[in-house]
Amino acid sequence: METRVNRALENRKKGYNCAQAVLCAYSDLLGAEEELLFAVSEGFGGGMGGMQGVCGAVTGMYMAAGLKNSCKDLGVCSTKPVTSRMVRELAKDFKEKNQSLICRELKGVDTGKMLRSCEGCIEDAVRLIGEHFFKEDLAEASEESCI
């Protein structure tokens, strides 16, 4: 898990927005090229296009849920209810941890009281993705690195 968190934080240092940093940290396990994930999440940083709405790191989690769970069948959308439930669970867990899902509130723009830094939100989002979707995959990767 620490490798994923570090990868996401390094992405952020390279100029990725929060959604890009989170989503791209899991490109290998989501089965998508990092360049595609980078492009699709480009408009979601800064709380949706810089408007300080839903946190970009949170949006990155939601995108990961869709990529992980969707059946990807264009004719039948059978996985949508489960994916929606997954998104609600991620939102609940993130909000319990940070008191908000909204970039403006997390940064304390109106109150002067920061609830969580961007880097902290990225770290929390990466951890939640790992805990919700990739526990076994991450455990196996950790075991392999010890060999």
N, C-alpha and C. Protein backbone atom coordinates (compact mmCIF):
# COMPACT_ATOMS: atom_id res chain seq x y z
N MET A 1 0.82 -1.20 0.00
CA MET A 1 0.00 0.00 0.00
C MET A 1 0.87 1.26 0.00
N GLU A 2 1.95 1.22 0.74
CA GLU A 2 2.83 2.40 0.82
C GLU A 2 3.39 2.75 -0.55
N THR A 3 3.65 1.74 -1.37
CA THR A 3 4.15 1.99 -2.72
C THR A 3 3.13 2.77 -3.53
N ARG A 4 1.86 2.42 -3.40
CA ARG A 4 0.79 3.14 -4.12
C ARG A 4 0.68 4.57 -3.63
N VAL A 5 0.70 4.75 -2.32
CA VAL A 5 0.61 6.09 -1.75
C VAL A 5 1.79 6.93 -2.25
N ASN A 6 2.99 6.38 -2.18
CA ASN A 6 4.17 7.11 -2.64
C ASN A 6 4.09 7.44 -4.13
N ARG A 7 3.60 6.49 -4.91
CA ARG A 7 3.44 6.73 -6.36
C ARG A 7 2.49 7.89 -6.60
N ALA A 8 1.37 7.90 -5.88
CA ALA A 8 0.38 8.97 -6.05
C ALA A 8 0.96 10.32 -5.63
N LEU A 9 1.68 10.34 -4.53
CA LEU A 9 2.27 11.60 -4.06
C LEU A 9 3.37 12.08 -5.01
N GLU A 10 4.12 11.14 -5.59
CA GLU A 10 5.12 11.52 -6.61
C GLU A 10 4.42 12.06 -7.85
N ASN A 11 3.30 11.44 -8.23
CA ASN A 11 2.52 11.96 -9.36
C ASN A 11 2.12 13.41 -9.11
N ARG A 12 1.68 13.68 -7.91
CA ARG A 12 1.27 15.03 -7.53
C ARG A 12 2.44 16.01 -7.67
N LYS A 13 3.60 15.59 -7.21
CA LYS A 13 4.80 16.45 -7.31
C LYS A 13 5.16 16.72 -8.77
N LYS A 14 4.84 15.77 -9.66
CA LYS A 14 5.14 15.94 -11.09
C LYS A 14 4.12 16.85 -11.77
N GLY A 15 3.08 17.27 -11.04
CA GLY A 15 2.11 18.18 -11.63
C GLY A 15 0.75 17.56 -11.92
N TYR A 16 0.57 16.29 -11.59
CA TYR A 16 -0.75 15.67 -11.77
C TYR A 16 -1.73 16.36 -10.82
N ASN A 17 -2.98 16.52 -11.26
CA ASN A 17 -3.98 17.01 -10.32
C ASN A 17 -4.36 15.86 -9.38
N CYS A 18 -5.20 16.13 -8.39
CA CYS A 18 -5.51 15.12 -7.37
C CYS A 18 -6.18 13.88 -7.96
N ALA A 19 -7.11 14.08 -8.88
CA ALA A 19 -7.79 12.93 -9.52
C ALA A 19 -6.79 12.10 -10.31
N GLN A 20 -5.93 12.76 -11.07
CA GLN A 20 -4.91 12.06 -11.86
C GLN A 20 -3.94 11.30 -10.97
N ALA A 21 -3.50 11.94 -9.89
CA ALA A 21 -2.54 11.31 -8.99
C ALA A 21 -3.10 10.01 -8.42
N VAL A 22 -4.36 10.05 -7.99
CA VAL A 22 -5.00 8.87 -7.39
C VAL A 22 -5.23 7.79 -8.44
N LEU A 23 -5.89 8.14 -9.51
CA LEU A 23 -6.28 7.15 -10.52
C LEU A 23 -5.06 6.50 -11.17
N CYS A 24 -4.06 7.30 -11.50
CA CYS A 24 -2.88 6.76 -12.18
C CYS A 24 -2.03 5.87 -11.27
N ALA A 25 -2.15 6.03 -9.97
CA ALA A 25 -1.40 5.17 -9.04
C ALA A 25 -1.85 3.72 -9.12
N TYR A 26 -3.03 3.49 -9.68
CA TYR A 26 -3.59 2.14 -9.79
C TYR A 26 -3.74 1.69 -11.25
N SER A 27 -3.09 2.34 -12.18
CA SER A 27 -3.28 2.02 -13.59
C SER A 27 -3.05 0.54 -13.89
N ASP A 28 -2.02 -0.05 -13.29
CA ASP A 28 -1.71 -1.45 -13.56
C ASP A 28 -2.82 -2.39 -13.09
N LEU A 29 -3.39 -2.12 -11.93
CA LEU A 29 -4.43 -3.00 -11.41
C LEU A 29 -5.81 -2.70 -11.99
N LEU A 30 -5.97 -1.52 -12.59
CA LEU A 30 -7.24 -1.18 -13.21
C LEU A 30 -7.30 -1.61 -14.68
N GLY A 31 -6.19 -2.08 -15.19
CA GLY A 31 -6.17 -2.58 -16.56
C GLY A 31 -6.29 -1.49 -17.61
N ALA A 32 -5.75 -0.31 -17.32
CA ALA A 32 -5.82 0.79 -18.28
C ALA A 32 -4.46 1.48 -18.33
N GLU A 33 -4.14 1.98 -19.48
CA GLU A 33 -2.88 2.71 -19.65
C GLU A 33 -2.91 3.99 -18.84
N GLU A 34 -1.78 4.30 -18.22
CA GLU A 34 -1.71 5.51 -17.40
C GLU A 34 -2.04 6.76 -18.21
N GLU A 35 -1.62 6.81 -19.46
CA GLU A 35 -1.89 7.98 -20.30
C GLU A 35 -3.39 8.20 -20.48
N LEU A 36 -4.14 7.11 -20.64
CA LEU A 36 -5.60 7.23 -20.79
C LEU A 36 -6.23 7.72 -19.49
N LEU A 37 -5.81 7.15 -18.36
CA LEU A 37 -6.35 7.57 -17.07
C LEU A 37 -6.00 9.03 -16.79
N PHE A 38 -4.79 9.42 -17.13
CA PHE A 38 -4.34 10.80 -16.97
C PHE A 38 -5.25 11.74 -17.76
N ALA A 39 -5.53 11.36 -19.01
CA ALA A 39 -6.35 12.21 -19.87
C ALA A 39 -7.80 12.28 -19.40
N VAL A 40 -8.38 11.15 -19.05
CA VAL A 40 -9.79 11.13 -18.67
C VAL A 40 -10.05 11.86 -17.35
N SER A 41 -9.04 11.91 -16.48
CA SER A 41 -9.22 12.56 -15.17
C SER A 41 -8.72 14.00 -15.15
N GLU A 42 -8.26 14.49 -16.28
CA GLU A 42 -7.65 15.82 -16.35
C GLU A 42 -8.57 16.95 -15.88
N GLY A 43 -9.83 16.89 -16.19
CA GLY A 43 -10.75 17.97 -15.85
C GLY A 43 -11.32 17.90 -14.44
N PHE A 44 -10.87 16.94 -13.63
CA PHE A 44 -11.49 16.73 -12.33
C PHE A 44 -10.66 17.23 -11.15
N GLY A 45 -9.53 17.85 -11.41
CA GLY A 45 -8.72 18.39 -10.33
C GLY A 45 -9.30 19.70 -9.81
N GLY A 46 -8.87 20.06 -8.61
CA GLY A 46 -9.34 21.32 -8.03
C GLY A 46 -10.83 21.33 -7.75
N GLY A 47 -11.37 20.16 -7.50
CA GLY A 47 -12.80 20.07 -7.21
C GLY A 47 -13.65 20.28 -8.45
N MET A 48 -13.38 19.52 -9.47
CA MET A 48 -14.10 19.56 -10.75
C MET A 48 -13.76 20.82 -11.54
N GLY A 49 -12.71 20.76 -12.29
CA GLY A 49 -12.34 21.87 -13.15
C GLY A 49 -11.94 23.13 -12.40
N GLY A 50 -11.41 22.97 -11.20
CA GLY A 50 -10.97 24.11 -10.41
C GLY A 50 -12.10 24.87 -9.73
N MET A 51 -13.31 24.32 -9.74
CA MET A 51 -14.46 25.01 -9.15
C MET A 51 -14.63 24.70 -7.67
N GLN A 52 -13.74 23.91 -7.09
CA GLN A 52 -13.71 23.56 -5.68
C GLN A 52 -14.97 22.84 -5.22
N GLY A 53 -15.53 22.01 -6.10
CA GLY A 53 -16.66 21.14 -5.74
C GLY A 53 -16.14 19.85 -5.15
N VAL A 54 -16.64 18.72 -5.64
CA VAL A 54 -16.19 17.43 -5.11
C VAL A 54 -14.68 17.29 -5.32
N CYS A 55 -13.98 16.92 -4.26
CA CYS A 55 -12.53 16.78 -4.26
C CYS A 55 -12.06 15.88 -5.41
N GLY A 56 -11.01 16.28 -6.07
CA GLY A 56 -10.46 15.50 -7.18
C GLY A 56 -10.01 14.11 -6.75
N ALA A 57 -9.42 13.99 -5.57
CA ALA A 57 -8.99 12.68 -5.07
C ALA A 57 -10.20 11.76 -4.90
N VAL A 58 -11.30 12.33 -4.43
CA VAL A 58 -12.54 11.57 -4.27
C VAL A 58 -13.07 11.15 -5.64
N THR A 59 -13.04 12.05 -6.59
CA THR A 59 -13.48 11.73 -7.95
C THR A 59 -12.62 10.62 -8.53
N GLY A 60 -11.32 10.66 -8.27
CA GLY A 60 -10.43 9.59 -8.72
C GLY A 60 -10.84 8.24 -8.14
N MET A 61 -11.26 8.24 -6.88
CA MET A 61 -11.75 6.98 -6.26
C MET A 61 -12.98 6.47 -7.00
N TYR A 62 -13.89 7.39 -7.31
CA TYR A 62 -15.12 7.00 -7.99
C TYR A 62 -14.82 6.41 -9.37
N MET A 63 -13.88 7.03 -10.07
CA MET A 63 -13.49 6.50 -11.38
C MET A 63 -12.88 5.11 -11.24
N ALA A 64 -12.08 4.91 -10.22
CA ALA A 64 -11.48 3.60 -9.97
C ALA A 64 -12.57 2.55 -9.73
N ALA A 65 -13.62 2.93 -9.00
CA ALA A 65 -14.73 2.00 -8.74
C ALA A 65 -15.36 1.55 -10.05
N GLY A 66 -15.60 2.48 -10.95
CA GLY A 66 -16.18 2.13 -12.24
C GLY A 66 -15.27 1.23 -13.06
N LEU A 67 -14.00 1.57 -13.10
CA LEU A 67 -13.05 0.74 -13.85
C LEU A 67 -12.92 -0.65 -13.26
N LYS A 68 -12.94 -0.74 -11.95
CA LYS A 68 -12.79 -2.03 -11.28
C LYS A 68 -14.03 -2.91 -11.45
N ASN A 69 -15.21 -2.30 -11.37
CA ASN A 69 -16.42 -3.10 -11.28
C ASN A 69 -17.21 -3.24 -12.58
N SER A 70 -17.14 -2.30 -13.46
CA SER A 70 -17.99 -2.32 -14.65
C SER A 70 -17.79 -3.57 -15.49
N CYS A 71 -18.91 -4.10 -16.00
CA CYS A 71 -18.83 -5.25 -16.91
C CYS A 71 -18.35 -4.81 -18.29
N LYS A 72 -18.38 -3.52 -18.54
CA LYS A 72 -17.92 -2.92 -19.79
C LYS A 72 -18.69 -3.42 -21.01
N ASP A 73 -19.91 -3.86 -20.76
CA ASP A 73 -20.80 -4.30 -21.84
C ASP A 73 -21.68 -3.12 -22.23
N LEU A 74 -21.47 -2.58 -23.42
CA LEU A 74 -22.20 -1.39 -23.86
C LEU A 74 -23.69 -1.65 -24.06
N GLY A 75 -24.07 -2.89 -24.23
CA GLY A 75 -25.47 -3.22 -24.46
C GLY A 75 -26.25 -3.46 -23.19
N VAL A 76 -25.59 -3.88 -22.14
CA VAL A 76 -26.27 -4.20 -20.88
C VAL A 76 -25.49 -3.54 -19.75
N CYS A 77 -26.18 -2.75 -18.97
CA CYS A 77 -25.50 -2.01 -17.90
C CYS A 77 -25.81 -2.68 -16.55
N SER A 78 -25.49 -3.94 -16.43
CA SER A 78 -25.88 -4.73 -15.27
C SER A 78 -25.08 -4.40 -14.00
N THR A 79 -23.92 -3.80 -14.13
CA THR A 79 -23.08 -3.57 -12.95
C THR A 79 -23.29 -2.19 -12.31
N LYS A 80 -24.07 -1.35 -12.94
CA LYS A 80 -24.24 0.02 -12.45
C LYS A 80 -24.73 0.09 -10.99
N PRO A 81 -25.72 -0.70 -10.58
CA PRO A 81 -26.16 -0.61 -9.18
C PRO A 81 -25.06 -0.95 -8.17
N VAL A 82 -24.26 -1.95 -8.48
CA VAL A 82 -23.17 -2.33 -7.57
C VAL A 82 -22.10 -1.25 -7.55
N THR A 83 -21.77 -0.71 -8.71
CA THR A 83 -20.78 0.36 -8.77
C THR A 83 -21.26 1.57 -7.98
N SER A 84 -22.53 1.90 -8.11
CA SER A 84 -23.08 3.03 -7.36
C SER A 84 -22.99 2.78 -5.86
N ARG A 85 -23.25 1.56 -5.44
CA ARG A 85 -23.12 1.23 -4.02
C ARG A 85 -21.66 1.38 -3.57
N MET A 86 -20.73 0.93 -4.40
CA MET A 86 -19.30 1.05 -4.09
C MET A 86 -18.91 2.52 -3.92
N VAL A 87 -19.42 3.37 -4.79
CA VAL A 87 -19.12 4.80 -4.72
C VAL A 87 -19.67 5.38 -3.41
N ARG A 88 -20.88 5.00 -3.05
CA ARG A 88 -21.46 5.49 -1.78
C ARG A 88 -20.63 5.04 -0.58
N GLU A 89 -20.13 3.82 -0.62
CA GLU A 89 -19.29 3.32 0.48
C GLU A 89 -17.97 4.09 0.56
N LEU A 90 -17.35 4.32 -0.59
CA LEU A 90 -16.12 5.11 -0.61
C LEU A 90 -16.37 6.52 -0.07
N ALA A 91 -17.46 7.13 -0.51
CA ALA A 91 -17.81 8.48 -0.06
C ALA A 91 -18.01 8.51 1.45
N LYS A 92 -18.72 7.54 1.96
CA LYS A 92 -18.98 7.45 3.40
C LYS A 92 -17.67 7.35 4.17
N ASP A 93 -16.79 6.46 3.74
CA ASP A 93 -15.53 6.26 4.43
C ASP A 93 -14.64 7.51 4.37
N PHE A 94 -14.57 8.14 3.20
CA PHE A 94 -13.75 9.34 3.06
C PHE A 94 -14.31 10.46 3.93
N LYS A 95 -15.63 10.63 3.92
CA LYS A 95 -16.26 11.70 4.70
C LYS A 95 -16.10 11.46 6.19
N GLU A 96 -16.21 10.22 6.63
CA GLU A 96 -15.99 9.91 8.05
C GLU A 96 -14.58 10.30 8.48
N LYS A 97 -13.64 10.08 7.60
CA LYS A 97 -12.23 10.35 7.89
C LYS A 97 -11.92 11.85 7.85
N ASN A 98 -12.56 12.58 6.93
CA ASN A 98 -12.17 13.97 6.66
C ASN A 98 -13.27 15.01 6.85
N GLN A 99 -14.46 14.62 7.21
CA GLN A 99 -15.60 15.50 7.49
C GLN A 99 -16.25 16.12 6.26
N SER A 100 -15.71 15.91 5.09
CA SER A 100 -16.29 16.50 3.87
C SER A 100 -15.78 15.77 2.64
N LEU A 101 -16.50 15.95 1.55
CA LEU A 101 -16.08 15.48 0.22
C LEU A 101 -15.77 16.67 -0.69
N ILE A 102 -15.98 17.87 -0.19
CA ILE A 102 -15.91 19.08 -0.99
C ILE A 102 -14.55 19.76 -0.84
N CYS A 103 -13.89 19.99 -1.96
CA CYS A 103 -12.56 20.58 -2.00
C CYS A 103 -12.50 21.88 -1.20
N ARG A 104 -13.42 22.75 -1.43
CA ARG A 104 -13.45 24.07 -0.77
C ARG A 104 -13.47 23.92 0.76
N GLU A 105 -14.27 22.96 1.25
CA GLU A 105 -14.38 22.71 2.68
C GLU A 105 -13.12 22.04 3.22
N LEU A 106 -12.60 21.07 2.47
CA LEU A 106 -11.39 20.37 2.89
C LEU A 106 -10.22 21.33 3.03
N LYS A 107 -10.13 22.28 2.11
CA LYS A 107 -9.04 23.26 2.12
C LYS A 107 -9.29 24.40 3.11
N GLY A 108 -10.52 24.52 3.62
CA GLY A 108 -10.84 25.59 4.56
C GLY A 108 -10.91 26.96 3.92
N VAL A 109 -11.31 27.02 2.65
CA VAL A 109 -11.33 28.28 1.92
C VAL A 109 -12.20 29.33 2.62
N ASP A 110 -13.38 28.94 3.06
CA ASP A 110 -14.31 29.90 3.68
C ASP A 110 -14.09 30.06 5.18
N THR A 111 -13.62 29.01 5.82
CA THR A 111 -13.52 29.01 7.28
C THR A 111 -12.12 29.32 7.80
N GLY A 112 -11.11 29.14 6.95
CA GLY A 112 -9.73 29.30 7.40
C GLY A 112 -9.22 28.09 8.16
N LYS A 113 -10.07 27.07 8.30
CA LYS A 113 -9.68 25.85 9.01
C LYS A 113 -9.59 24.70 8.00
N MET A 114 -8.35 24.34 7.66
CA MET A 114 -8.15 23.24 6.73
C MET A 114 -8.50 21.92 7.41
N LEU A 115 -9.37 21.14 6.75
CA LEU A 115 -9.72 19.82 7.25
C LEU A 115 -8.68 18.79 6.82
N ARG A 116 -8.18 18.94 5.58
CA ARG A 116 -7.21 17.98 5.05
C ARG A 116 -6.51 18.61 3.86
N SER A 117 -5.22 18.43 3.77
CA SER A 117 -4.45 18.94 2.63
C SER A 117 -4.75 18.10 1.38
N CYS A 118 -4.38 18.62 0.23
CA CYS A 118 -4.54 17.86 -1.01
C CYS A 118 -3.76 16.55 -0.92
N GLU A 119 -2.53 16.63 -0.42
CA GLU A 119 -1.72 15.42 -0.30
C GLU A 119 -2.38 14.41 0.64
N GLY A 120 -2.96 14.89 1.73
CA GLY A 120 -3.66 14.02 2.66
C GLY A 120 -4.88 13.37 2.02
N CYS A 121 -5.61 14.14 1.23
CA CYS A 121 -6.78 13.60 0.52
C CYS A 121 -6.35 12.53 -0.49
N ILE A 122 -5.26 12.79 -1.19
CA ILE A 122 -4.72 11.81 -2.14
C ILE A 122 -4.35 10.54 -1.41
N GLU A 123 -3.64 10.67 -0.31
CA GLU A 123 -3.23 9.49 0.47
C GLU A 123 -4.46 8.70 0.93
N ASP A 124 -5.45 9.39 1.47
CA ASP A 124 -6.65 8.71 1.95
C ASP A 124 -7.38 7.99 0.82
N ALA A 125 -7.50 8.65 -0.33
CA ALA A 125 -8.18 8.05 -1.47
C ALA A 125 -7.45 6.80 -1.97
N VAL A 126 -6.14 6.87 -2.06
CA VAL A 126 -5.35 5.72 -2.51
C VAL A 126 -5.52 4.55 -1.53
N ARG A 127 -5.49 4.84 -0.26
CA ARG A 127 -5.67 3.79 0.75
C ARG A 127 -7.07 3.17 0.68
N LEU A 128 -8.08 4.00 0.50
CA LEU A 128 -9.46 3.48 0.43
C LEU A 128 -9.65 2.60 -0.80
N ILE A 129 -9.09 2.99 -1.92
CA ILE A 129 -9.17 2.14 -3.12
C ILE A 129 -8.53 0.79 -2.83
N GLY A 130 -7.35 0.80 -2.24
CA GLY A 130 -6.67 -0.44 -1.92
C GLY A 130 -7.46 -1.31 -0.97
N GLU A 131 -8.02 -0.70 0.07
CA GLU A 131 -8.79 -1.45 1.06
C GLU A 131 -10.08 -2.01 0.49
N HIS A 132 -10.74 -1.25 -0.37
CA HIS A 132 -12.02 -1.68 -0.91
C HIS A 132 -11.90 -2.66 -2.07
N PHE A 133 -10.88 -2.50 -2.91
CA PHE A 133 -10.84 -3.26 -4.15
C PHE A 133 -9.65 -4.19 -4.32
N PHE A 134 -8.53 -3.90 -3.71
CA PHE A 134 -7.31 -4.59 -4.07
C PHE A 134 -6.54 -5.20 -2.91
N LYS A 135 -7.19 -5.52 -1.83
CA LYS A 135 -6.48 -6.09 -0.67
C LYS A 135 -5.60 -7.26 -1.05
N GLU A 136 -6.17 -8.25 -1.74
CA GLU A 136 -5.39 -9.45 -2.10
C GLU A 136 -4.27 -9.12 -3.07
N ASP A 137 -4.58 -8.29 -4.08
CA ASP A 137 -3.57 -7.94 -5.07
C ASP A 137 -2.38 -7.23 -4.42
N LEU A 138 -2.67 -6.33 -3.49
CA LEU A 138 -1.60 -5.59 -2.83
C LEU A 138 -0.82 -6.48 -1.88
N ALA A 139 -1.50 -7.40 -1.22
CA ALA A 139 -0.82 -8.33 -0.32
C ALA A 139 0.11 -9.24 -1.10
N GLU A 140 -0.37 -9.74 -2.26
CA GLU A 140 0.47 -10.60 -3.10
C GLU A 140 1.70 -9.85 -3.60
N ALA A 141 1.50 -8.60 -4.02
CA ALA A 141 2.61 -7.79 -4.52
C ALA A 141 3.64 -7.56 -3.42
N SER A 142 3.16 -7.36 -2.20
CA SER A 142 4.06 -7.16 -1.07
C SER A 142 4.86 -8.43 -0.77
N GLU A 143 4.18 -9.58 -0.83
CA GLU A 143 4.86 -10.85 -0.60
C GLU A 143 5.91 -11.12 -1.66
N GLU A 144 5.57 -10.80 -2.93
CA GLU A 144 6.49 -11.03 -4.03
C GLU A 144 7.75 -10.17 -3.87
N SER A 145 7.58 -8.95 -3.36
CA SER A 145 8.75 -8.08 -3.22
C SER A 145 9.67 -8.54 -2.11
N CYS A 146 9.18 -9.40 -1.23
CA CYS A 146 10.01 -9.93 -0.14
C CYS A 146 10.82 -11.16 -0.58
N ILE A 147 10.51 -11.72 -1.72
CA ILE A 147 11.18 -12.93 -2.19
C ILE A 147 12.54 -12.60 -2.76
